Amino acid sequence: MDSAKTLLFKCSVLKEPCTESLLCLCALGLVHRDATLAAAALNELLKHSADCEATEEERCLLTCSVLALQGNNSAVQRQAAKAVHSNPGNAGLWALLSRVVPQYNPRNARGGASAGSVACHFSMTQKKALLYSGVNQLASGWHSGEDGTRNGLKTIQRAALLCPDDPGVWAALLSACHTENTASCLRDASRGRRQLEGVLTQLVSEKVRTAGSDMRPKLSALKTWCVEQAVWGLKQAGLHTDAEAVCTKALSSDPEQPGLVLLQRQVQCEALLLSCTQLPDAVLEELRKAVLANYTSMPAWHWLAEVYRSQGLLVGAVMCYRQSLQVASQQGNFSGKLASLLRLALLALAPCMANVSNNEWKDLVKEATSEALKLAFSPLALLIQALLQFSIKMGARETRRLLEKVVYTTGFPESITSVARWYLLRHLHSKNDQELIDTLMDHARAAGDSRLEKLYNQLCP
């Protein structure tokens, strides 16, 4: 390694530097996660870009990779967008922009979806761009309940037709099906894509097995993720026996995988919770040890926090969410940090809604939602703030203002708007404001909110 660095460095400091050596030095720095070496080599390479044989996409990819290695996630998307604006006819750059958005700047996922569509429009050789566009649509919450023709599932199905041998496409399709099923549950509609989890997971496993040896280590992580996704989908459908069978089958081929061991413990724990509400201390300790074995897994901390919450151990749940925040910060995981803050706020909101007279929970809700809104504009954080105000003083003018902000702002997810409508109706009913109630009901009927209609009939028979 050191001798290779030395030789490449000597080539790069010649009177006429060898751009190939600079490319190799930059790649070497990226592979070994040496941000200083990669950045220095890239800076020298860009000085001699006229003599470099690397394409515009390759130079942009290197720059984005170095920025990501430095932890400057927001600059990754800016760099890709800058390259697109300089070369608007380059389909490869549009595809790269669509690729980096969901990973490094998911708040701009709608723009990432549009970038992928532009790449496909310019060139049908950019088959992966269709996949990137679909992933962005999933990240932005587009599902068939909101748009029956343009959504993540439809786009990824088209990508599967173009790239049937790509395991990433089938993994994305699994995620899209899970999204659709979750959205159906929130809309109180029937699940239209039952028990596809096992089929798609098996398909990904087959694609990974037939992949080249150089790609197999990275694809094995994708296989594990698919197993986890499938298990969560089966558990959501109440099929705990099938979920445990998937875990057992996965562990039979890779028994030393800590993540799969934890997943199996999770399935067993939730099956146990169905038969008894209170878990023994010994079981809780085993679960804690399983999570500690996956210390850097943020979802594992989220799950343990939910178990503690179900057992009434709210302080322990708060500690788990704080631990997940620390992990997300260390990993530079923007989405993980936002998710941890919102989950923490929801946890603290529950005692407030139950009128527990403890200002610590109210302060925690305010702290978590404020930090979340510093990271990104979040409709859920605004809803939580409105519900906190509702719990403090239901009939206050500020309560109405915050709830109306969520209800009447266009572009918010219907699941969030529906909850805000429910509480706004309760507030308006307490004030006996029939004119505003009529306005709210018209808004709800236009959105097809049948749940609010039921509440209205109960409150105003």
Foldseek 3Di string as FASTA:
>chain_A
DVVLLVVLVVQQPPPDHDLVSLVVQLVVCLVVLPLVSNVVSLVSNVVVVVPDPDDLLVNLVSVLSSCVSVLVLVVSLVSLVVSCVVPVLDLSSLLVSLQSCCQRPLVCLCVSLVSLVVSCVNDVVVLCSLVSNLVSQVSLLFACLVPVCDGSLNSLVVSCVVCVLDLVSLLSNLVRLLSQQVVCVLVVHDRPDPPCLVVSLVSSVVSLVPDDPVCNVVSVVSSLVSLLSSLVSCVVVVNLVVNLVSLVVVCVVPVPDLVSVLSNLLSVVVVVCVVPQADDPVSLVVNVVSCVVVQLDLVSLQSNLVNCVSNVNNVSSLVSLVSSCVSCVVSSRLVSNLVSLLSQLVSLLVVLQVVDPDCVSVVSNVVSLVVNVVSHNDLSSLLSVLSSVCSVPVQDPVNLVSLCVSQPDPPDDPSSNLVSLQSNLVNCLVVVPVVVNVVSVVSCVVSVPVVSVVVCVVSPD
